[in-house]
N, C-alpha and C. Protein backbone atom coordinates (compact mmCIF):
# COMPACT_ATOMS: atom_id res chain seq x y z
N MET A 1 -3.06 -5.33 -1.67
CA MET A 1 -4.48 -5.68 -1.60
C MET A 1 -5.29 -4.48 -2.10
N ILE A 2 -6.22 -4.48 -3.00
CA ILE A 2 -7.20 -3.51 -3.51
C ILE A 2 -8.63 -3.76 -3.27
N ARG A 3 -9.45 -2.86 -2.91
CA ARG A 3 -10.68 -3.22 -2.20
C ARG A 3 -11.59 -2.04 -2.44
N LYS A 4 -12.85 -2.24 -3.16
CA LYS A 4 -13.71 -1.14 -3.21
C LYS A 4 -14.59 -0.79 -1.74
N LEU A 5 -14.77 0.55 -1.77
CA LEU A 5 -15.46 0.88 -0.58
C LEU A 5 -16.43 2.10 -0.78
N SER A 6 -17.40 2.36 -0.11
CA SER A 6 -17.99 3.37 0.07
C SER A 6 -17.91 3.96 1.60
N ILE A 7 -18.20 5.41 1.74
CA ILE A 7 -18.32 5.92 3.18
C ILE A 7 -19.50 6.63 2.98
N PHE A 8 -20.49 6.30 4.11
CA PHE A 8 -21.79 7.15 4.14
C PHE A 8 -22.46 7.11 2.69
N ASP A 9 -22.32 5.98 2.05
CA ASP A 9 -23.03 5.71 0.66
C ASP A 9 -22.35 6.57 -0.51
N SER A 10 -21.26 7.20 -0.02
CA SER A 10 -20.67 7.99 -1.06
C SER A 10 -19.37 7.15 -1.73
N ASP A 11 -19.10 7.24 -2.91
CA ASP A 11 -18.01 6.71 -3.85
C ASP A 11 -16.82 7.42 -3.58
N PHE A 12 -16.87 8.72 -3.14
CA PHE A 12 -15.77 9.91 -2.98
C PHE A 12 -15.17 9.70 -1.51
N ILE A 13 -14.38 8.45 -1.31
CA ILE A 13 -14.17 8.13 0.02
C ILE A 13 -13.08 9.06 0.32
N GLY A 14 -12.26 9.64 -0.36
CA GLY A 14 -11.10 10.47 -0.03
C GLY A 14 -11.55 11.86 0.60
N VAL A 15 -12.85 12.18 0.43
CA VAL A 15 -13.34 13.56 1.16
C VAL A 15 -13.59 13.04 2.58
N PHE A 16 -13.83 11.86 3.02
CA PHE A 16 -13.91 11.61 4.34
C PHE A 16 -12.86 10.97 5.29
N ALA A 17 -11.79 10.49 4.59
CA ALA A 17 -10.81 9.80 5.42
C ALA A 17 -9.41 10.30 4.54
N LYS A 18 -8.40 10.18 5.49
CA LYS A 18 -6.91 10.56 5.04
C LYS A 18 -5.96 9.75 5.67
N VAL A 19 -5.11 9.19 4.81
CA VAL A 19 -4.32 7.84 5.13
C VAL A 19 -3.07 8.30 4.99
N PHE A 20 -2.04 7.60 5.94
CA PHE A 20 -0.66 7.27 5.42
C PHE A 20 -0.20 5.85 5.82
N ASN A 21 0.91 5.52 5.87
CA ASN A 21 1.31 4.29 5.83
C ASN A 21 1.12 3.53 7.21
N ASP A 22 1.16 4.36 8.43
CA ASP A 22 0.65 3.54 9.62
C ASP A 22 -0.51 4.16 10.46
N PHE A 23 -1.28 5.00 9.45
CA PHE A 23 -2.22 5.46 10.34
C PHE A 23 -3.32 6.30 9.53
N ALA A 24 -4.86 6.37 9.87
CA ALA A 24 -5.72 6.87 9.27
C ALA A 24 -6.57 7.71 9.91
N PHE A 25 -7.10 8.85 9.70
CA PHE A 25 -8.06 9.65 10.08
C PHE A 25 -9.47 9.61 9.38
N VAL A 26 -10.43 9.22 10.22
CA VAL A 26 -11.70 8.82 9.75
C VAL A 26 -12.65 9.72 10.48
N PRO A 27 -13.95 9.91 9.98
CA PRO A 27 -15.10 10.54 10.72
C PRO A 27 -15.25 9.66 12.07
N ARG A 28 -15.62 10.29 13.07
CA ARG A 28 -16.02 9.68 14.39
C ARG A 28 -17.07 8.90 14.48
N ASN A 29 -17.95 9.37 13.49
CA ASN A 29 -19.35 8.42 13.39
C ASN A 29 -19.37 7.46 12.10
N ILE A 30 -18.15 7.17 11.92
CA ILE A 30 -17.98 6.05 10.70
C ILE A 30 -18.78 4.72 11.25
N PRO A 31 -19.30 3.96 10.33
CA PRO A 31 -19.59 2.49 10.87
C PRO A 31 -18.45 1.75 11.18
N ASP A 32 -18.71 0.93 12.22
CA ASP A 32 -17.49 -0.01 12.41
C ASP A 32 -16.97 -0.81 11.45
N GLU A 33 -17.86 -1.44 10.44
CA GLU A 33 -17.76 -2.31 9.54
C GLU A 33 -16.64 -1.52 8.47
N THR A 34 -16.95 -0.18 8.19
CA THR A 34 -15.96 0.75 7.35
C THR A 34 -14.79 0.70 7.99
N ARG A 35 -14.63 1.17 9.15
CA ARG A 35 -13.37 1.28 9.95
C ARG A 35 -12.60 0.20 9.78
N LEU A 36 -13.21 -0.90 10.07
CA LEU A 36 -12.44 -2.17 10.08
C LEU A 36 -12.04 -2.49 8.53
N SER A 37 -12.68 -2.31 7.67
CA SER A 37 -12.34 -2.53 6.23
C SER A 37 -11.00 -1.74 6.10
N ILE A 38 -11.05 -0.50 6.40
CA ILE A 38 -9.92 0.58 6.21
C ILE A 38 -8.51 -0.17 6.83
N GLU A 39 -8.94 -0.53 8.09
CA GLU A 39 -7.76 -1.03 8.92
C GLU A 39 -7.19 -2.18 8.32
N GLU A 40 -7.86 -3.09 7.89
CA GLU A 40 -7.35 -4.35 7.34
C GLU A 40 -6.96 -4.05 5.92
N THR A 41 -7.37 -3.33 5.05
CA THR A 41 -6.98 -3.31 3.65
C THR A 41 -5.50 -2.50 3.85
N LEU A 42 -5.64 -1.55 4.56
CA LEU A 42 -4.54 -0.37 4.55
C LEU A 42 -3.47 -0.77 5.83
N LYS A 43 -3.81 -1.87 6.36
CA LYS A 43 -2.78 -2.13 7.70
C LYS A 43 -2.46 -0.89 8.47
N VAL A 44 -3.40 -0.19 8.94
CA VAL A 44 -3.60 0.98 9.77
C VAL A 44 -4.05 0.90 11.14
N LYS A 45 -3.72 1.72 12.09
CA LYS A 45 -4.56 2.27 12.76
C LYS A 45 -5.50 3.32 12.67
N THR A 46 -6.80 3.55 13.10
CA THR A 46 -7.51 4.69 12.82
C THR A 46 -7.70 5.28 13.91
N ALA A 47 -7.97 6.61 13.67
CA ALA A 47 -8.53 7.56 14.70
C ALA A 47 -9.90 8.19 14.32
N GLY A 48 -10.87 8.19 14.96
CA GLY A 48 -11.99 8.91 14.61
C GLY A 48 -12.07 10.25 15.31
N ILE A 49 -12.15 11.25 14.33
CA ILE A 49 -12.49 12.66 14.66
C ILE A 49 -13.30 13.32 13.91
N ILE A 50 -13.71 14.55 14.50
CA ILE A 50 -14.62 15.58 13.64
C ILE A 50 -13.75 16.87 13.62
N VAL A 51 -13.72 17.42 12.58
CA VAL A 51 -12.96 18.41 12.23
C VAL A 51 -14.02 19.85 11.99
N ASP A 52 -13.85 20.70 13.07
CA ASP A 52 -14.98 21.77 12.85
C ASP A 52 -16.43 21.23 12.64
N ASN A 53 -16.79 20.18 13.35
CA ASN A 53 -18.00 19.61 13.46
C ASN A 53 -18.52 19.14 12.00
N PHE A 54 -17.43 18.73 10.96
CA PHE A 54 -17.81 18.09 9.86
C PHE A 54 -17.14 16.85 9.88
N SER A 55 -17.71 15.81 9.15
CA SER A 55 -17.43 14.34 8.82
C SER A 55 -16.36 14.46 7.64
N LEU A 56 -16.16 15.54 6.82
CA LEU A 56 -15.54 15.46 5.77
C LEU A 56 -13.95 15.46 6.02
N VAL A 57 -13.38 14.68 6.78
CA VAL A 57 -12.19 14.79 7.52
C VAL A 57 -11.09 14.98 6.33
N GLY A 58 -11.26 13.99 5.14
CA GLY A 58 -10.16 14.17 4.27
C GLY A 58 -9.94 15.39 3.60
N THR A 59 -10.87 16.44 3.54
CA THR A 59 -10.62 17.75 2.92
C THR A 59 -10.22 18.53 3.89
N MET A 60 -10.10 18.29 5.17
CA MET A 60 -9.65 19.29 6.24
C MET A 60 -8.28 19.14 6.78
N LEU A 61 -7.65 18.07 6.41
CA LEU A 61 -6.35 17.76 6.95
C LEU A 61 -5.31 17.16 5.92
N VAL A 62 -4.16 17.10 6.26
CA VAL A 62 -3.17 16.38 5.42
C VAL A 62 -2.09 16.02 6.20
N PHE A 63 -1.31 14.83 6.10
CA PHE A 63 -0.12 14.40 6.99
C PHE A 63 0.88 13.53 6.55
N ASN A 64 1.95 13.38 7.03
CA ASN A 64 3.00 12.40 6.64
C ASN A 64 3.59 11.86 8.04
N SER A 65 4.58 11.32 7.76
CA SER A 65 5.48 10.95 8.94
C SER A 65 5.78 11.94 10.14
N ASN A 66 5.92 13.20 9.38
CA ASN A 66 6.61 14.11 10.44
C ASN A 66 5.55 15.02 11.10
N GLY A 67 4.64 15.24 10.35
CA GLY A 67 3.46 16.12 11.00
C GLY A 67 2.10 16.14 10.33
N ILE A 68 1.07 16.97 10.85
CA ILE A 68 -0.14 17.02 10.61
C ILE A 68 -0.51 18.55 10.42
N VAL A 69 -1.20 18.83 9.03
CA VAL A 69 -1.60 20.14 9.03
C VAL A 69 -3.01 20.02 8.91
N VAL A 70 -3.80 20.79 9.86
CA VAL A 70 -5.04 20.98 10.03
C VAL A 70 -5.86 22.05 9.70
N SER A 71 -7.12 22.30 9.17
CA SER A 71 -7.67 23.60 8.97
C SER A 71 -7.74 24.33 10.45
N GLY A 72 -7.52 25.73 10.36
CA GLY A 72 -7.45 26.52 11.42
C GLY A 72 -8.78 26.67 12.03
N LEU A 73 -9.90 26.04 11.22
CA LEU A 73 -11.28 25.92 11.96
C LEU A 73 -11.36 24.82 13.02
N SER A 74 -10.33 24.10 12.98
CA SER A 74 -10.42 23.11 13.91
C SER A 74 -9.90 23.40 15.15
N SER A 75 -9.58 22.64 16.26
CA SER A 75 -8.97 23.02 17.42
C SER A 75 -8.43 21.72 18.06
N LYS A 76 -7.65 21.80 19.13
CA LYS A 76 -6.95 20.75 19.89
C LYS A 76 -8.01 19.80 20.38
N ASP A 77 -9.30 20.27 20.67
CA ASP A 77 -10.40 19.54 21.28
C ASP A 77 -10.76 18.38 20.16
N ASP A 78 -10.72 18.75 18.95
CA ASP A 78 -10.97 17.50 17.91
C ASP A 78 -10.18 16.51 18.03
N PHE A 79 -9.08 16.51 18.52
CA PHE A 79 -7.90 15.48 18.49
C PHE A 79 -7.65 14.94 19.77
N SER A 80 -8.65 15.42 20.64
CA SER A 80 -8.67 14.91 22.14
C SER A 80 -8.50 13.27 22.16
N GLY A 81 -7.76 12.61 22.87
CA GLY A 81 -7.57 11.33 23.25
C GLY A 81 -6.78 10.56 21.98
N VAL A 82 -6.36 11.32 20.81
CA VAL A 82 -5.92 10.67 19.67
C VAL A 82 -4.31 10.64 19.88
N ASP A 83 -3.81 9.67 19.84
CA ASP A 83 -2.40 9.34 19.97
C ASP A 83 -1.60 9.60 18.52
N ILE A 84 -1.12 10.74 18.42
CA ILE A 84 -0.19 11.17 17.07
C ILE A 84 1.00 10.86 17.03
N GLY A 85 1.61 10.28 18.28
CA GLY A 85 2.88 9.77 18.27
C GLY A 85 3.87 11.10 18.28
N ASP A 86 4.97 11.20 17.55
CA ASP A 86 6.00 12.26 17.52
C ASP A 86 5.57 13.33 16.40
N ARG A 87 4.50 13.01 15.77
CA ARG A 87 4.07 13.97 14.71
C ARG A 87 3.81 15.44 15.41
N ARG A 88 4.02 16.40 14.49
CA ARG A 88 3.74 17.89 15.16
C ARG A 88 2.48 18.13 14.42
N LEU A 89 1.66 18.77 15.26
CA LEU A 89 0.21 19.16 14.88
C LEU A 89 0.14 20.63 14.88
N VAL A 90 -0.15 21.06 13.42
CA VAL A 90 -0.28 22.46 13.08
C VAL A 90 -1.75 22.82 12.70
N PHE A 91 -2.41 23.86 13.43
CA PHE A 91 -3.62 24.47 12.93
C PHE A 91 -3.29 25.49 11.97
N LEU A 92 -3.70 25.49 10.69
CA LEU A 92 -3.23 26.38 9.84
C LEU A 92 -4.41 27.57 9.64
N LYS A 93 -3.86 28.82 9.98
CA LYS A 93 -4.84 29.75 9.78
C LYS A 93 -4.73 30.56 8.65
N ASP A 94 -5.44 30.16 7.47
CA ASP A 94 -5.46 30.57 6.15
C ASP A 94 -6.84 30.48 5.63
N ARG A 95 -7.15 31.43 4.69
CA ARG A 95 -8.49 31.52 4.09
C ARG A 95 -8.84 30.23 3.32
N LEU A 96 -7.64 29.53 2.94
CA LEU A 96 -7.86 28.27 2.18
C LEU A 96 -7.93 27.09 3.20
N ASN A 97 -9.27 26.83 3.70
CA ASN A 97 -9.35 25.94 4.95
C ASN A 97 -9.42 24.46 4.60
N ALA A 98 -9.72 24.24 3.30
CA ALA A 98 -10.02 22.87 2.90
C ALA A 98 -8.45 22.36 2.46
N ILE A 99 -7.63 22.02 3.66
CA ILE A 99 -6.34 21.52 3.50
C ILE A 99 -6.01 20.14 3.00
N GLY A 100 -6.99 19.36 2.90
CA GLY A 100 -6.86 18.10 2.31
C GLY A 100 -6.90 18.16 0.78
N ASN A 101 -7.70 19.22 0.27
CA ASN A 101 -7.74 19.45 -1.16
C ASN A 101 -6.63 20.48 -1.65
N ASN A 102 -5.91 21.09 -0.79
CA ASN A 102 -5.26 22.05 -1.07
C ASN A 102 -3.71 21.81 -0.97
N ILE A 103 -3.47 20.45 -0.50
CA ILE A 103 -1.83 20.09 -0.26
C ILE A 103 -1.96 18.47 -0.66
N ILE A 104 -0.93 18.09 -1.29
CA ILE A 104 -0.55 16.95 -1.33
C ILE A 104 0.85 16.44 -1.00
N THR A 105 1.10 15.58 -0.19
CA THR A 105 2.43 15.41 0.44
C THR A 105 2.83 13.91 0.69
N SER A 106 4.17 13.92 0.57
CA SER A 106 4.92 12.62 1.01
C SER A 106 5.94 12.90 2.10
N ASP A 107 6.68 11.95 2.34
CA ASP A 107 7.96 12.25 3.05
C ASP A 107 8.90 13.02 2.55
N ARG A 108 8.97 13.01 1.14
CA ARG A 108 9.85 13.74 0.70
C ARG A 108 9.70 15.36 0.19
N ALA A 109 8.22 15.53 -0.20
CA ALA A 109 8.06 16.83 -0.70
C ALA A 109 6.37 17.22 -0.51
N ALA A 110 6.18 18.36 -0.92
CA ALA A 110 4.72 18.64 -0.60
C ALA A 110 4.55 19.71 -1.87
N ILE A 111 3.27 19.61 -2.50
CA ILE A 111 2.96 20.63 -3.67
C ILE A 111 1.69 21.21 -2.83
N ILE A 112 1.50 22.69 -3.04
CA ILE A 112 0.31 23.26 -2.41
C ILE A 112 -0.17 24.34 -3.27
N HIS A 113 -1.50 24.70 -2.85
CA HIS A 113 -2.22 25.60 -3.64
C HIS A 113 -1.47 26.95 -3.87
N PRO A 114 -1.36 27.36 -5.09
CA PRO A 114 -0.62 28.78 -5.33
C PRO A 114 -0.72 29.87 -4.56
N SER A 115 -2.24 29.86 -3.93
CA SER A 115 -2.60 31.17 -3.31
C SER A 115 -2.64 31.08 -1.68
N PHE A 116 -1.93 29.98 -1.26
CA PHE A 116 -1.34 30.10 0.23
C PHE A 116 -0.53 31.28 0.27
N THR A 117 -0.70 31.79 1.62
CA THR A 117 0.25 33.05 1.99
C THR A 117 1.71 32.46 2.26
N GLU A 118 2.71 33.20 2.45
CA GLU A 118 4.10 32.98 2.67
C GLU A 118 4.26 32.45 4.17
N SER A 119 3.40 33.02 4.98
CA SER A 119 3.53 32.40 6.45
C SER A 119 2.96 30.97 6.41
N SER A 120 1.92 30.78 5.58
CA SER A 120 1.20 29.48 5.60
C SER A 120 2.18 28.37 4.71
N GLU A 121 2.77 28.70 4.01
CA GLU A 121 3.87 28.14 3.21
C GLU A 121 4.81 27.65 4.22
N LYS A 122 5.39 28.56 4.96
CA LYS A 122 6.34 28.11 6.00
C LYS A 122 5.90 27.30 6.97
N ALA A 123 4.79 27.50 7.59
CA ALA A 123 4.02 26.55 8.52
C ALA A 123 3.86 25.23 8.09
N ILE A 124 3.56 25.11 6.82
CA ILE A 124 3.30 23.70 6.16
C ILE A 124 4.69 22.99 6.04
N ALA A 125 5.62 23.85 5.54
CA ALA A 125 7.25 23.12 5.62
C ALA A 125 7.48 22.69 6.77
N ASP A 126 7.42 23.68 7.86
CA ASP A 126 7.83 23.15 9.23
C ASP A 126 7.20 22.04 9.78
N ALA A 127 5.86 21.96 9.47
CA ALA A 127 4.95 20.81 10.07
C ALA A 127 5.39 19.57 9.42
N LEU A 128 5.41 19.57 8.19
CA LEU A 128 5.74 18.30 7.31
C LEU A 128 7.02 17.97 7.10
N GLY A 129 8.01 18.97 7.36
CA GLY A 129 9.44 18.51 7.31
C GLY A 129 9.96 18.20 6.02
N VAL A 130 9.31 18.93 5.03
CA VAL A 130 9.54 18.67 3.54
C VAL A 130 9.73 19.87 2.85
N GLU A 131 10.40 20.04 1.68
CA GLU A 131 10.39 21.07 0.63
C GLU A 131 8.81 21.20 0.27
N VAL A 132 8.62 22.53 0.13
CA VAL A 132 7.06 22.85 -0.14
C VAL A 132 7.11 23.58 -1.59
N ILE A 133 6.66 23.29 -2.44
CA ILE A 133 6.41 24.06 -3.81
C ILE A 133 5.17 24.36 -4.11
N LYS A 134 4.66 25.54 -4.61
CA LYS A 134 3.39 26.13 -4.91
C LYS A 134 3.34 25.64 -6.46
N SER A 135 2.20 25.07 -6.88
CA SER A 135 1.96 24.67 -8.18
C SER A 135 0.62 24.22 -8.45
N THR A 136 0.33 23.92 -9.53
CA THR A 136 -1.11 23.45 -9.86
C THR A 136 -0.57 21.82 -10.47
N ILE A 137 -1.73 21.13 -10.45
CA ILE A 137 -1.61 19.77 -11.10
C ILE A 137 -2.99 19.81 -11.99
N ALA A 138 -2.51 19.26 -13.33
CA ALA A 138 -3.65 19.26 -14.46
C ALA A 138 -4.20 20.70 -14.47
N GLY A 139 -3.22 21.57 -14.25
CA GLY A 139 -4.00 23.11 -14.35
C GLY A 139 -5.02 23.46 -13.26
N VAL A 140 -4.92 22.55 -12.41
CA VAL A 140 -6.12 22.59 -11.13
C VAL A 140 -5.10 23.16 -9.74
N LYS A 141 -5.88 24.25 -9.18
CA LYS A 141 -5.06 24.81 -8.08
C LYS A 141 -5.30 23.71 -6.80
N THR A 142 -6.49 23.18 -6.68
CA THR A 142 -6.59 22.21 -5.58
C THR A 142 -5.95 20.89 -5.68
N VAL A 143 -4.77 20.70 -5.58
CA VAL A 143 -3.83 19.79 -6.03
C VAL A 143 -4.28 18.49 -5.43
N GLY A 144 -4.75 18.31 -4.22
CA GLY A 144 -5.02 17.37 -3.48
C GLY A 144 -6.26 16.56 -3.84
N SER A 145 -6.87 17.10 -4.88
CA SER A 145 -8.17 16.53 -5.13
C SER A 145 -7.96 15.82 -6.64
N VAL A 146 -6.97 16.02 -7.26
CA VAL A 146 -6.66 15.53 -8.69
C VAL A 146 -5.39 14.59 -8.75
N ALA A 147 -4.83 14.35 -7.45
CA ALA A 147 -3.59 13.39 -7.55
C ALA A 147 -3.65 12.73 -6.21
N VAL A 148 -3.05 11.49 -6.44
CA VAL A 148 -2.88 10.69 -5.02
C VAL A 148 -1.42 9.73 -5.20
N LEU A 149 -0.95 9.72 -4.14
CA LEU A 149 0.41 8.82 -4.27
C LEU A 149 0.72 7.98 -3.13
N ASN A 150 1.58 7.04 -3.25
CA ASN A 150 1.98 6.40 -2.09
C ASN A 150 3.67 6.20 -2.39
N ASN A 151 4.48 5.43 -1.70
CA ASN A 151 5.89 5.23 -1.92
C ASN A 151 6.33 4.62 -3.20
N LYS A 152 5.19 4.34 -4.03
CA LYS A 152 5.62 3.30 -5.32
C LYS A 152 5.29 4.04 -6.38
N GLY A 153 4.32 4.83 -6.39
CA GLY A 153 3.80 5.62 -7.49
C GLY A 153 2.87 7.02 -7.38
N MET A 154 2.53 7.63 -8.40
CA MET A 154 1.52 8.63 -8.24
C MET A 154 0.70 8.60 -9.29
N LEU A 155 -0.58 8.82 -9.13
CA LEU A 155 -1.58 8.85 -10.24
C LEU A 155 -2.22 10.24 -10.15
N VAL A 156 -2.43 10.85 -11.28
CA VAL A 156 -2.74 12.29 -11.41
C VAL A 156 -3.83 12.41 -12.58
N SER A 157 -4.58 13.23 -12.75
CA SER A 157 -5.84 13.65 -13.50
C SER A 157 -5.03 13.43 -14.82
N PRO A 158 -6.12 12.95 -15.95
CA PRO A 158 -5.59 12.72 -17.09
C PRO A 158 -5.23 14.28 -18.08
N GLU A 159 -5.90 15.20 -17.37
CA GLU A 159 -5.55 16.49 -17.98
C GLU A 159 -4.24 17.09 -17.79
N ALA A 160 -3.56 16.20 -16.85
CA ALA A 160 -1.94 16.70 -16.52
C ALA A 160 -1.27 16.78 -17.96
N THR A 161 -0.46 17.63 -17.94
CA THR A 161 0.51 17.65 -19.24
C THR A 161 1.78 17.01 -18.91
N GLU A 162 2.35 16.69 -20.39
CA GLU A 162 3.69 15.91 -20.09
C GLU A 162 4.63 16.73 -19.10
N ASP A 163 4.77 18.10 -19.24
CA ASP A 163 5.51 18.79 -18.58
C ASP A 163 5.25 18.78 -17.17
N GLU A 164 4.03 18.64 -16.76
CA GLU A 164 3.62 18.37 -15.29
C GLU A 164 3.97 17.07 -14.59
N ILE A 165 3.61 16.09 -15.57
CA ILE A 165 3.98 14.64 -15.03
C ILE A 165 5.54 14.68 -14.86
N LYS A 166 6.10 15.18 -15.91
CA LYS A 166 7.74 15.19 -15.53
C LYS A 166 8.29 15.92 -14.35
N ASN A 167 7.62 17.08 -14.04
CA ASN A 167 8.08 17.78 -12.92
C ASN A 167 7.49 17.13 -11.68
N LEU A 168 6.46 16.51 -11.66
CA LEU A 168 6.09 15.92 -10.42
C LEU A 168 6.93 14.65 -10.12
N GLY A 169 7.38 13.90 -11.11
CA GLY A 169 8.16 12.97 -11.00
C GLY A 169 9.41 13.21 -10.57
N ASP A 170 9.83 14.34 -10.79
CA ASP A 170 11.22 14.91 -10.28
C ASP A 170 10.97 15.44 -8.61
N ILE A 171 9.92 15.98 -8.67
CA ILE A 171 9.65 16.52 -7.11
C ILE A 171 9.43 15.39 -6.00
N PHE A 172 8.63 14.36 -6.71
CA PHE A 172 8.36 13.23 -5.53
C PHE A 172 9.19 12.09 -5.65
N HIS A 173 10.01 12.01 -6.77
CA HIS A 173 11.05 10.95 -7.25
C HIS A 173 10.16 9.64 -7.31
N LEU A 174 9.15 9.65 -8.08
CA LEU A 174 8.21 8.53 -8.40
C LEU A 174 7.86 8.42 -9.91
N PRO A 175 7.47 7.27 -10.24
CA PRO A 175 6.85 7.34 -11.56
C PRO A 175 5.38 7.82 -11.41
N VAL A 176 5.05 8.68 -12.44
CA VAL A 176 3.75 9.11 -12.38
C VAL A 176 2.98 8.93 -13.67
N LYS A 177 1.78 8.30 -13.45
CA LYS A 177 0.90 8.01 -14.35
C LYS A 177 -0.56 8.72 -14.40
N THR A 178 -1.08 8.92 -15.35
CA THR A 178 -2.57 9.32 -15.48
C THR A 178 -3.60 8.20 -15.37
N GLY A 179 -4.76 8.77 -14.72
CA GLY A 179 -5.78 7.90 -14.70
C GLY A 179 -7.27 8.40 -14.11
N THR A 180 -8.27 7.64 -14.11
CA THR A 180 -9.42 8.11 -13.47
C THR A 180 -9.77 7.12 -12.39
N ALA A 181 -10.96 7.41 -11.73
CA ALA A 181 -11.52 6.56 -10.76
C ALA A 181 -13.13 6.85 -10.75
N ASN A 182 -13.97 6.01 -10.20
CA ASN A 182 -15.14 6.27 -9.88
C ASN A 182 -16.00 6.43 -11.38
N TYR A 183 -15.57 5.55 -12.30
CA TYR A 183 -16.34 5.68 -13.67
C TYR A 183 -16.00 7.15 -14.27
N GLY A 184 -14.80 7.43 -14.26
CA GLY A 184 -14.29 8.46 -15.20
C GLY A 184 -14.12 9.88 -14.43
N SER A 185 -14.00 9.77 -13.24
CA SER A 185 -13.95 11.09 -12.25
C SER A 185 -12.29 11.37 -12.46
N TYR A 186 -12.10 12.54 -12.84
CA TYR A 186 -10.81 13.10 -12.68
C TYR A 186 -10.43 13.32 -11.24
N TYR A 187 -11.26 13.35 -10.27
CA TYR A 187 -10.89 13.88 -9.03
C TYR A 187 -10.56 12.56 -8.12
N ILE A 188 -9.41 11.96 -8.56
CA ILE A 188 -8.85 10.90 -8.17
C ILE A 188 -8.38 10.95 -6.56
N GLY A 189 -8.06 12.08 -6.34
CA GLY A 189 -7.64 12.39 -4.60
C GLY A 189 -8.82 12.10 -3.74
N ALA A 190 -9.96 12.66 -4.54
CA ALA A 190 -11.09 12.16 -3.61
C ALA A 190 -11.85 10.80 -3.78
N SER A 191 -11.33 10.11 -4.60
CA SER A 191 -11.76 8.70 -4.86
C SER A 191 -10.98 7.77 -4.51
N ILE A 192 -9.82 7.89 -4.00
CA ILE A 192 -8.95 6.66 -3.73
C ILE A 192 -8.13 7.05 -2.50
N LEU A 193 -8.13 5.94 -1.48
CA LEU A 193 -7.12 5.76 -0.37
C LEU A 193 -6.08 4.81 -0.60
N VAL A 194 -4.78 5.54 -0.41
CA VAL A 194 -3.70 4.56 -0.84
C VAL A 194 -2.59 4.71 0.15
N ASN A 195 -1.96 3.60 0.59
CA ASN A 195 -0.46 3.71 1.35
C ASN A 195 0.34 2.61 0.63
N CYS A 196 1.42 2.41 1.39
CA CYS A 196 2.33 1.43 0.88
C CYS A 196 1.90 -0.06 1.20
N ASN A 197 0.70 -0.25 1.93
CA ASN A 197 0.30 -1.59 2.11
C ASN A 197 -1.05 -1.77 1.36
N GLY A 198 -1.91 -1.00 0.79
CA GLY A 198 -3.13 -1.49 0.20
C GLY A 198 -3.62 -0.23 -0.47
N ILE A 199 -4.79 -0.32 -1.09
CA ILE A 199 -5.50 0.52 -2.01
C ILE A 199 -6.91 0.32 -1.79
N MET A 200 -7.55 1.60 -1.55
CA MET A 200 -9.09 1.48 -1.54
C MET A 200 -9.58 2.59 -2.55
N VAL A 201 -10.74 2.10 -3.31
CA VAL A 201 -11.38 2.86 -4.36
C VAL A 201 -12.71 2.91 -4.15
N GLY A 202 -13.45 3.98 -4.80
CA GLY A 202 -14.75 4.18 -4.59
C GLY A 202 -15.41 3.04 -5.41
N ASN A 203 -16.82 2.68 -5.04
CA ASN A 203 -17.40 1.43 -5.45
C ASN A 203 -17.48 1.61 -6.87
N ALA A 204 -17.80 2.72 -7.47
CA ALA A 204 -18.10 3.12 -8.88
C ALA A 204 -16.89 2.88 -9.88
N THR A 205 -15.81 2.86 -9.32
CA THR A 205 -14.60 2.51 -10.05
C THR A 205 -14.52 1.00 -10.88
N THR A 206 -14.35 1.07 -12.30
CA THR A 206 -14.37 0.33 -13.24
C THR A 206 -13.27 -0.79 -13.27
N SER A 207 -13.19 -1.96 -13.91
CA SER A 207 -12.20 -2.98 -13.88
C SER A 207 -10.94 -2.44 -14.46
N ILE A 208 -11.22 -1.43 -15.70
CA ILE A 208 -10.18 -0.88 -16.38
C ILE A 208 -9.57 0.20 -15.44
N GLU A 209 -10.30 0.86 -14.80
CA GLU A 209 -9.64 1.86 -13.93
C GLU A 209 -8.79 1.29 -12.79
N LEU A 210 -9.33 -0.07 -12.30
CA LEU A 210 -8.87 -0.71 -11.21
C LEU A 210 -7.47 -1.13 -11.83
N GLY A 211 -7.20 -1.73 -12.95
CA GLY A 211 -5.96 -2.19 -13.43
C GLY A 211 -4.97 -0.99 -13.46
N ARG A 212 -5.27 0.19 -13.82
CA ARG A 212 -4.41 1.47 -14.06
C ARG A 212 -3.96 1.50 -12.58
N ILE A 213 -4.97 1.67 -11.62
CA ILE A 213 -4.56 2.14 -10.41
C ILE A 213 -3.66 1.09 -9.73
N ASP A 214 -4.03 -0.24 -9.88
CA ASP A 214 -3.16 -1.24 -9.39
C ASP A 214 -1.90 -0.95 -9.81
N ASP A 215 -1.65 -0.80 -11.20
CA ASP A 215 -0.35 -0.96 -11.89
C ASP A 215 0.37 0.44 -11.24
N THR A 216 -0.30 1.16 -10.87
CA THR A 216 0.61 2.54 -10.39
C THR A 216 1.05 2.32 -9.07
N PHE A 217 0.35 1.82 -8.21
CA PHE A 217 0.72 1.81 -6.56
C PHE A 217 1.26 0.47 -6.31
N SER A 218 0.97 -0.62 -7.07
CA SER A 218 1.53 -2.11 -6.43
C SER A 218 2.81 -2.46 -7.02
């Protein structure tokens, strides 16, 4: 299923929410209708949180089946009452605090901003339980902002080179395609929520973009 969505009247839905196959983190003050749409489309449970008093949840954390990495500006109080199951919860103390923008992960691997410290790199690897690689995507260090993936495919900015596309395919063991969302935005990580169950895109996404997105992830 693919559905259009805005969150707080913004088409950049990925800055407000972060999803995986079974779970989604959303802002605590998100409208019930929006939360229900996410749950129905992506077939997930949702947890409403605020990270360091911000609603930009999608920019402040990343997670997979094994663990959750959250900005060190946050605390356990932000996750009070949230059932994260067996996932490890790690608060990353690093000057790069927009974790969701600086990491992209699956259950197989993670690519991270090249400027993370060695101790942060190890903490990310331990939390997510995957191989961690420092790299750029389309020449951009904030890798989570210009790429998005599920277990069927990966979509990256059109500015990604052929070498980058091949490298990403080798790392994640996925077919990789280029595309945009929200009427030409290269910041597809900020524009799309996707897991193995469904796809959500910003309302400004065109029919041509929808076709490319659907073809990548379905």
